[in-house]
């Protein structure tokens, strides 16, 4: 049964490689290629999308025309439920209910690249915390104290 499952996954992966995937460079964040930015000596490369960091947003084009009035705002990424929650709750002005990665990116968008550092730091802290919990549960606190005392 496992080999049938693996074969099915392999076939699906091969089919996925041959399906057409469209990528339109000008769709959301039009900008020069990262190599062009680096050759020009841009200190924000490859994250520079125009605008002035911490002052004005970069150049964006709305993928969906109905969001054009609020493009670049966090609200343009909220689901209907989170929009309702944001409008009806004093505590959820910018809510992370639907998808934290996209909202975190948009909140940190003005810093151009800090989101990459912050997300990596969050993942590192989560990994360290998880490792400590697993170690505590598998080895036991008494064994850890003995290891530290030796």
N, C-alpha and C. Protein backbone atom coordinates (compact mmCIF):
# COMPACT_ATOMS: atom_id res chain seq x y z
N UNK A 1 0.82 -1.20 0.00
CA UNK A 1 0.00 0.00 0.00
C UNK A 1 0.87 1.26 0.00
N UNK A 2 1.96 1.22 0.75
CA UNK A 2 2.85 2.37 0.81
C UNK A 2 3.49 2.62 -0.55
N UNK A 3 3.87 1.56 -1.25
CA UNK A 3 4.51 1.73 -2.55
C UNK A 3 3.52 2.31 -3.57
N UNK A 4 2.24 1.95 -3.48
CA UNK A 4 1.23 2.53 -4.37
C UNK A 4 1.10 4.02 -4.09
N UNK A 5 1.09 4.37 -2.82
CA UNK A 5 1.00 5.79 -2.43
C UNK A 5 2.22 6.56 -2.95
N UNK A 6 3.40 6.00 -2.79
CA UNK A 6 4.62 6.65 -3.27
C UNK A 6 4.60 6.80 -4.79
N UNK A 7 4.14 5.78 -5.48
CA UNK A 7 4.05 5.84 -6.94
C UNK A 7 3.07 6.92 -7.37
N UNK A 8 1.94 7.01 -6.68
CA UNK A 8 0.95 8.05 -6.97
C UNK A 8 1.54 9.44 -6.76
N UNK A 9 2.26 9.63 -5.67
CA UNK A 9 2.90 10.92 -5.42
C UNK A 9 3.93 11.25 -6.50
N UNK A 10 4.71 10.26 -6.93
CA UNK A 10 5.71 10.48 -7.97
C UNK A 10 5.05 10.88 -9.28
N UNK A 11 3.95 10.21 -9.63
CA UNK A 11 3.24 10.55 -10.86
C UNK A 11 2.67 11.96 -10.77
N UNK A 12 2.07 12.30 -9.65
CA UNK A 12 1.53 13.65 -9.47
C UNK A 12 2.64 14.71 -9.54
N UNK A 13 3.79 14.42 -8.97
CA UNK A 13 4.91 15.36 -9.03
C UNK A 13 5.37 15.56 -10.47
N UNK A 14 5.47 14.48 -11.22
CA UNK A 14 5.88 14.59 -12.63
C UNK A 14 4.85 15.36 -13.44
N UNK A 15 3.57 15.11 -13.20
CA UNK A 15 2.53 15.87 -13.89
C UNK A 15 2.59 17.35 -13.52
N UNK A 16 2.87 17.62 -12.26
CA UNK A 16 2.97 19.00 -11.81
C UNK A 16 4.11 19.75 -12.49
N UNK A 17 5.18 19.05 -12.79
CA UNK A 17 6.31 19.69 -13.48
C UNK A 17 5.96 20.07 -14.92
N UNK A 18 5.04 19.33 -15.52
CA UNK A 18 4.72 19.58 -16.92
C UNK A 18 3.51 20.48 -17.11
N UNK A 19 2.82 20.79 -16.05
CA UNK A 19 1.68 21.71 -16.16
C UNK A 19 2.19 23.13 -16.32
N UNK A 20 1.44 23.91 -17.05
CA UNK A 20 1.85 25.29 -17.27
C UNK A 20 1.62 26.14 -16.04
N UNK A 21 2.63 26.85 -15.63
CA UNK A 21 2.51 27.79 -14.52
C UNK A 21 2.81 29.18 -15.06
N UNK A 22 1.89 30.08 -14.85
CA UNK A 22 2.14 31.43 -15.37
C UNK A 22 2.73 32.30 -14.27
N UNK A 23 3.70 33.08 -14.66
CA UNK A 23 4.30 34.04 -13.74
C UNK A 23 4.41 35.36 -14.48
N UNK A 24 3.77 36.35 -13.95
CA UNK A 24 3.80 37.66 -14.58
C UNK A 24 4.58 38.60 -13.69
N UNK A 25 5.76 38.95 -14.12
CA UNK A 25 6.66 39.78 -13.33
C UNK A 25 6.02 41.11 -12.95
N UNK A 26 5.20 41.67 -13.81
CA UNK A 26 4.62 42.99 -13.56
C UNK A 26 3.34 42.93 -12.73
N UNK A 27 2.98 41.75 -12.24
CA UNK A 27 1.68 41.60 -11.61
C UNK A 27 1.53 42.35 -10.28
N UNK A 28 2.45 42.19 -9.35
CA UNK A 28 2.26 42.79 -8.03
C UNK A 28 3.29 43.84 -7.68
N UNK A 29 4.55 43.49 -7.79
CA UNK A 29 5.61 44.40 -7.37
C UNK A 29 6.56 44.66 -8.53
N UNK A 30 6.22 45.59 -9.40
CA UNK A 30 7.13 45.85 -10.52
C UNK A 30 8.42 46.48 -10.00
N UNK A 31 9.53 45.92 -10.39
CA UNK A 31 10.83 46.45 -9.95
C UNK A 31 11.90 45.89 -10.86
N UNK A 32 13.05 46.52 -10.87
CA UNK A 32 14.15 45.97 -11.66
C UNK A 32 14.63 44.64 -11.08
N UNK A 33 15.31 43.88 -11.89
CA UNK A 33 15.87 42.61 -11.41
C UNK A 33 16.85 42.88 -10.28
N UNK A 34 16.98 41.96 -9.31
CA UNK A 34 17.90 42.18 -8.19
C UNK A 34 19.34 42.45 -8.63
N UNK A 35 19.79 41.80 -9.72
CA UNK A 35 21.15 42.03 -10.18
C UNK A 35 21.35 43.47 -10.64
N UNK A 36 20.32 44.03 -11.28
CA UNK A 36 20.40 45.43 -11.73
C UNK A 36 20.49 46.35 -10.52
N UNK A 37 19.70 46.06 -9.48
CA UNK A 37 19.73 46.88 -8.27
C UNK A 37 21.10 46.79 -7.60
N UNK A 38 21.67 45.59 -7.56
CA UNK A 38 22.96 45.41 -6.89
C UNK A 38 24.08 46.11 -7.66
N UNK A 39 24.05 46.01 -8.98
CA UNK A 39 25.07 46.69 -9.79
C UNK A 39 24.98 48.20 -9.66
N UNK A 40 23.76 48.70 -9.45
CA UNK A 40 23.57 50.14 -9.28
C UNK A 40 24.00 50.61 -7.89
N UNK A 41 24.36 49.67 -7.01
CA UNK A 41 24.81 50.04 -5.67
C UNK A 41 23.67 50.35 -4.72
N UNK A 42 22.49 49.85 -5.01
CA UNK A 42 21.33 50.09 -4.16
C UNK A 42 21.49 49.33 -2.85
N UNK A 43 21.55 50.03 -1.71
CA UNK A 43 21.75 49.34 -0.43
C UNK A 43 20.54 48.50 -0.01
N UNK A 44 19.39 48.72 -0.64
CA UNK A 44 18.19 47.96 -0.29
C UNK A 44 17.96 46.77 -1.20
N UNK A 45 18.85 46.55 -2.16
CA UNK A 45 18.69 45.42 -3.09
C UNK A 45 18.76 44.12 -2.32
N UNK A 46 17.99 43.15 -2.65
CA UNK A 46 16.99 43.06 -3.72
C UNK A 46 15.58 43.41 -3.25
N UNK A 47 15.44 44.09 -2.13
CA UNK A 47 14.12 44.36 -1.57
C UNK A 47 13.55 45.71 -2.00
N UNK A 48 14.29 46.50 -2.73
CA UNK A 48 13.83 47.84 -3.08
C UNK A 48 12.71 47.77 -4.11
N UNK A 49 11.57 48.30 -3.74
CA UNK A 49 10.43 48.36 -4.66
C UNK A 49 10.01 49.81 -4.85
N UNK A 50 10.91 50.72 -4.67
CA UNK A 50 10.57 52.12 -4.81
C UNK A 50 10.12 52.70 -3.49
N UNK A 51 9.72 53.95 -3.51
CA UNK A 51 9.29 54.59 -2.28
C UNK A 51 10.47 54.92 -1.38
N UNK A 52 10.18 55.54 -0.27
CA UNK A 52 11.21 55.90 0.70
C UNK A 52 10.97 55.05 1.95
N UNK A 53 11.97 54.27 2.39
CA UNK A 53 11.76 53.42 3.56
C UNK A 53 11.28 54.21 4.78
N UNK A 54 10.31 53.66 5.46
CA UNK A 54 9.70 54.22 6.67
C UNK A 54 8.93 55.51 6.42
N UNK A 55 8.79 55.92 5.15
CA UNK A 55 8.03 57.14 4.85
C UNK A 55 6.89 56.91 3.87
N UNK A 56 7.17 56.27 2.75
CA UNK A 56 6.13 56.04 1.75
C UNK A 56 6.28 54.64 1.17
N UNK A 57 5.14 54.03 0.80
CA UNK A 57 5.20 52.67 0.28
C UNK A 57 5.83 52.62 -1.11
N UNK A 58 6.24 51.44 -1.48
CA UNK A 58 6.81 51.25 -2.81
C UNK A 58 5.74 51.18 -3.88
N UNK A 59 6.17 50.92 -5.09
CA UNK A 59 5.26 50.83 -6.21
C UNK A 59 4.59 49.46 -6.19
N UNK A 60 3.28 49.46 -6.12
CA UNK A 60 2.53 48.20 -6.17
C UNK A 60 1.39 48.34 -7.15
N UNK A 61 1.00 47.23 -7.73
CA UNK A 61 -0.15 47.18 -8.63
C UNK A 61 -1.10 46.15 -8.05
N UNK A 62 -2.35 46.51 -7.92
CA UNK A 62 -3.32 45.59 -7.34
C UNK A 62 -3.57 44.42 -8.28
N UNK A 63 -3.50 43.23 -7.74
CA UNK A 63 -3.81 42.05 -8.55
C UNK A 63 -5.31 41.98 -8.80
N UNK A 64 -6.08 42.43 -7.84
CA UNK A 64 -7.53 42.44 -7.97
C UNK A 64 -7.99 43.89 -7.95
N UNK A 65 -8.67 44.35 -9.01
CA UNK A 65 -9.03 45.77 -9.12
C UNK A 65 -9.89 46.29 -7.97
N UNK A 66 -10.70 45.45 -7.34
CA UNK A 66 -11.56 45.93 -6.26
C UNK A 66 -10.75 46.39 -5.04
N UNK A 67 -9.48 45.98 -4.96
CA UNK A 67 -8.65 46.38 -3.83
C UNK A 67 -7.78 47.60 -4.14
N UNK A 68 -7.94 48.19 -5.31
CA UNK A 68 -7.11 49.33 -5.70
C UNK A 68 -7.18 50.49 -4.69
N UNK A 69 -8.38 50.83 -4.16
CA UNK A 69 -8.42 51.94 -3.20
C UNK A 69 -7.61 51.70 -1.93
N UNK A 70 -7.41 50.44 -1.56
CA UNK A 70 -6.69 50.15 -0.32
C UNK A 70 -5.40 49.39 -0.58
N UNK A 71 -4.84 49.52 -1.77
CA UNK A 71 -3.63 48.74 -2.08
C UNK A 71 -2.49 49.16 -1.16
N UNK A 72 -1.76 48.16 -0.72
CA UNK A 72 -0.64 48.42 0.19
C UNK A 72 -1.05 48.47 1.65
N UNK A 73 -2.33 48.50 1.92
CA UNK A 73 -2.78 48.50 3.30
C UNK A 73 -2.91 47.07 3.77
N UNK A 74 -2.83 46.87 5.06
CA UNK A 74 -3.00 45.54 5.62
C UNK A 74 -4.40 45.02 5.33
N UNK A 75 -5.40 45.89 5.31
CA UNK A 75 -6.78 45.46 5.10
C UNK A 75 -7.00 44.83 3.74
N UNK A 76 -6.15 45.10 2.78
CA UNK A 76 -6.36 44.52 1.46
C UNK A 76 -6.09 43.03 1.45
N UNK A 77 -5.48 42.50 2.50
CA UNK A 77 -5.19 41.08 2.57
C UNK A 77 -6.11 40.34 3.54
N UNK A 78 -7.05 41.02 4.16
CA UNK A 78 -7.90 40.37 5.15
C UNK A 78 -9.03 39.60 4.49
N UNK A 79 -9.38 38.47 5.06
CA UNK A 79 -10.53 37.71 4.60
C UNK A 79 -11.79 38.42 5.09
N UNK A 80 -12.97 38.06 4.56
CA UNK A 80 -14.20 38.70 5.05
C UNK A 80 -14.38 38.57 6.56
N UNK A 81 -14.04 37.41 7.13
CA UNK A 81 -14.17 37.24 8.58
C UNK A 81 -13.25 38.18 9.33
N UNK A 82 -12.00 38.28 8.91
CA UNK A 82 -11.07 39.14 9.64
C UNK A 82 -11.39 40.61 9.42
N UNK A 83 -11.96 40.95 8.26
CA UNK A 83 -12.40 42.33 8.05
C UNK A 83 -13.53 42.66 9.03
N UNK A 84 -14.47 41.72 9.18
CA UNK A 84 -15.56 41.92 10.13
C UNK A 84 -15.00 42.05 11.54
N UNK A 85 -14.06 41.18 11.89
CA UNK A 85 -13.45 41.21 13.21
C UNK A 85 -12.73 42.53 13.46
N UNK A 86 -12.03 43.04 12.47
CA UNK A 86 -11.30 44.29 12.62
C UNK A 86 -12.26 45.47 12.81
N UNK A 87 -13.40 45.43 12.12
CA UNK A 87 -14.35 46.54 12.23
C UNK A 87 -15.19 46.47 13.51
N UNK A 88 -15.38 45.29 14.07
CA UNK A 88 -16.26 45.12 15.22
C UNK A 88 -15.54 44.87 16.53
N UNK A 89 -14.25 44.94 16.55
CA UNK A 89 -13.50 44.70 17.78
C UNK A 89 -12.49 45.82 17.98
N UNK A 90 -12.43 46.32 19.20
CA UNK A 90 -11.45 47.36 19.50
C UNK A 90 -10.03 46.81 19.53
N UNK A 91 -9.91 45.51 19.72
CA UNK A 91 -8.60 44.91 19.93
C UNK A 91 -7.98 44.35 18.67
N UNK A 92 -8.68 44.40 17.56
CA UNK A 92 -8.16 43.78 16.34
C UNK A 92 -8.11 44.79 15.20
N UNK A 93 -7.41 45.88 15.39
CA UNK A 93 -7.26 46.86 14.31
C UNK A 93 -6.51 46.25 13.15
N UNK A 94 -5.38 45.67 13.43
CA UNK A 94 -4.68 44.87 12.43
C UNK A 94 -4.61 43.48 13.02
N UNK A 95 -5.33 42.58 12.42
CA UNK A 95 -5.47 41.25 13.00
C UNK A 95 -4.60 40.25 12.27
N UNK A 96 -4.14 39.27 12.99
CA UNK A 96 -3.27 38.25 12.41
C UNK A 96 -4.04 36.93 12.36
N UNK A 97 -5.36 37.03 12.25
CA UNK A 97 -6.18 35.83 12.32
C UNK A 97 -6.06 34.99 11.06
N UNK A 98 -6.04 35.62 9.89
CA UNK A 98 -6.13 34.84 8.66
C UNK A 98 -4.81 34.25 8.20
N UNK A 99 -3.80 35.03 8.03
CA UNK A 99 -2.52 34.51 7.57
C UNK A 99 -1.41 35.44 8.04
N UNK A 100 -0.72 35.04 9.11
CA UNK A 100 0.27 35.92 9.74
C UNK A 100 1.42 36.30 8.82
N UNK A 101 1.85 35.43 7.95
CA UNK A 101 2.99 35.76 7.10
C UNK A 101 2.74 36.95 6.22
N UNK A 102 1.60 36.96 5.55
CA UNK A 102 1.28 38.06 4.65
C UNK A 102 1.10 39.36 5.39
N UNK A 103 0.44 39.31 6.54
CA UNK A 103 0.20 40.53 7.30
C UNK A 103 1.50 41.03 7.91
N UNK A 104 2.34 40.11 8.41
CA UNK A 104 3.63 40.51 8.96
C UNK A 104 4.48 41.17 7.88
N UNK A 105 4.47 40.59 6.68
CA UNK A 105 5.21 41.18 5.57
C UNK A 105 4.71 42.59 5.28
N UNK A 106 3.38 42.76 5.29
CA UNK A 106 2.84 44.07 4.95
C UNK A 106 3.12 45.10 6.04
N UNK A 107 3.07 44.67 7.30
CA UNK A 107 3.38 45.59 8.39
C UNK A 107 4.84 46.03 8.30
N UNK A 108 5.72 45.10 7.98
CA UNK A 108 7.14 45.42 7.91
C UNK A 108 7.58 45.86 6.52
N UNK A 109 6.63 46.08 5.62
CA UNK A 109 6.97 46.41 4.23
C UNK A 109 7.80 47.68 4.13
N UNK A 110 7.52 48.63 4.99
CA UNK A 110 8.24 49.89 4.92
C UNK A 110 9.71 49.74 5.29
N UNK A 111 10.08 48.69 5.97
CA UNK A 111 11.47 48.51 6.39
C UNK A 111 12.32 47.80 5.35
N UNK A 112 11.72 47.27 4.32
CA UNK A 112 12.42 46.66 3.18
C UNK A 112 13.43 45.61 3.59
N UNK A 113 12.97 44.45 3.94
CA UNK A 113 13.89 43.36 4.22
C UNK A 113 13.96 42.97 5.68
N UNK A 114 13.50 43.84 6.56
CA UNK A 114 13.53 43.49 7.98
C UNK A 114 12.61 42.30 8.25
N UNK A 115 11.55 42.16 7.43
CA UNK A 115 10.64 41.03 7.63
C UNK A 115 11.37 39.70 7.47
N UNK A 116 12.35 39.64 6.57
CA UNK A 116 13.11 38.41 6.38
C UNK A 116 13.90 38.07 7.64
N UNK A 117 14.52 39.07 8.23
CA UNK A 117 15.29 38.86 9.45
C UNK A 117 14.37 38.48 10.60
N UNK A 118 13.25 39.19 10.72
CA UNK A 118 12.32 38.93 11.82
C UNK A 118 11.71 37.54 11.72
N UNK A 119 11.27 37.16 10.52
CA UNK A 119 10.67 35.83 10.37
C UNK A 119 11.68 34.73 10.67
N UNK A 120 12.92 34.91 10.23
CA UNK A 120 13.96 33.92 10.53
C UNK A 120 14.20 33.84 12.03
N UNK A 121 14.20 34.98 12.70
CA UNK A 121 14.40 35.01 14.15
C UNK A 121 13.25 34.30 14.87
N UNK A 122 12.03 34.53 14.40
CA UNK A 122 10.87 33.88 15.01
C UNK A 122 10.98 32.37 14.85
N UNK A 123 11.37 31.92 13.66
CA UNK A 123 11.52 30.48 13.42
C UNK A 123 12.63 29.90 14.31
N UNK A 124 13.73 30.63 14.47
CA UNK A 124 14.83 30.16 15.30
C UNK A 124 14.38 30.01 16.76
N UNK A 125 13.70 31.03 17.28
CA UNK A 125 13.23 30.98 18.66
C UNK A 125 12.23 29.83 18.84
N UNK A 126 11.35 29.64 17.85
CA UNK A 126 10.39 28.54 17.93
C UNK A 126 11.11 27.20 17.94
N UNK A 127 12.15 27.05 17.13
CA UNK A 127 12.91 25.81 17.08
C UNK A 127 13.62 25.56 18.41
N UNK A 128 14.23 26.59 18.96
CA UNK A 128 14.93 26.44 20.24
C UNK A 128 13.95 26.06 21.35
N UNK A 129 12.80 26.73 21.37
CA UNK A 129 11.79 26.43 22.39
C UNK A 129 11.29 25.00 22.25
N UNK A 130 10.99 24.59 21.02
CA UNK A 130 10.52 23.23 20.78
C UNK A 130 11.58 22.21 21.18
N UNK A 131 12.84 22.49 20.84
CA UNK A 131 13.93 21.57 21.20
C UNK A 131 14.04 21.43 22.71
N UNK A 132 13.91 22.54 23.43
CA UNK A 132 13.99 22.50 24.89
C UNK A 132 12.83 21.68 25.47
N UNK A 133 11.62 21.88 24.92
CA UNK A 133 10.46 21.12 25.42
C UNK A 133 10.66 19.63 25.17
N UNK A 134 11.09 19.27 23.97
CA UNK A 134 11.30 17.85 23.65
C UNK A 134 12.38 17.27 24.54
N UNK A 135 13.46 18.00 24.73
CA UNK A 135 14.56 17.51 25.57
C UNK A 135 14.09 17.33 27.01
N UNK A 136 13.32 18.28 27.51
CA UNK A 136 12.82 18.19 28.88
C UNK A 136 11.90 16.98 29.04
N UNK A 137 11.06 16.75 28.07
CA UNK A 137 10.10 15.64 28.17
C UNK A 137 10.77 14.29 27.96
N UNK A 138 11.77 14.21 27.09
CA UNK A 138 12.38 12.91 26.82
C UNK A 138 13.45 12.55 27.85
N UNK A 139 14.27 13.50 28.23
CA UNK A 139 15.34 13.21 29.18
C UNK A 139 14.84 13.35 30.61
N UNK A 140 14.01 14.33 30.85
CA UNK A 140 13.53 14.57 32.19
C UNK A 140 14.36 15.66 32.86
N UNK A 141 13.71 16.41 33.71
CA UNK A 141 14.38 17.53 34.36
C UNK A 141 15.50 17.09 35.29
N UNK A 142 15.30 15.96 35.98
CA UNK A 142 16.34 15.50 36.92
C UNK A 142 17.61 15.13 36.18
N UNK A 143 17.46 14.46 35.04
CA UNK A 143 18.63 14.08 34.24
C UNK A 143 19.35 15.33 33.72
N UNK A 144 18.58 16.34 33.32
CA UNK A 144 19.18 17.58 32.83
C UNK A 144 19.96 18.28 33.94
N UNK A 145 19.41 18.26 35.17
CA UNK A 145 20.11 18.88 36.29
C UNK A 145 21.41 18.14 36.59
N UNK A 146 21.38 16.81 36.49
CA UNK A 146 22.60 16.03 36.71
C UNK A 146 23.64 16.34 35.64
N UNK A 147 23.20 16.50 34.39
CA UNK A 147 24.14 16.83 33.31
C UNK A 147 24.78 18.19 33.56
N UNK A 148 23.98 19.14 34.02
CA UNK A 148 24.50 20.49 34.27
C UNK A 148 25.43 20.54 35.46
N UNK A 149 25.25 19.66 36.43
CA UNK A 149 26.07 19.67 37.64
C UNK A 149 27.41 19.00 37.46
N UNK A 150 27.55 18.19 36.44
CA UNK A 150 28.81 17.46 36.26
C UNK A 150 29.87 18.30 35.63
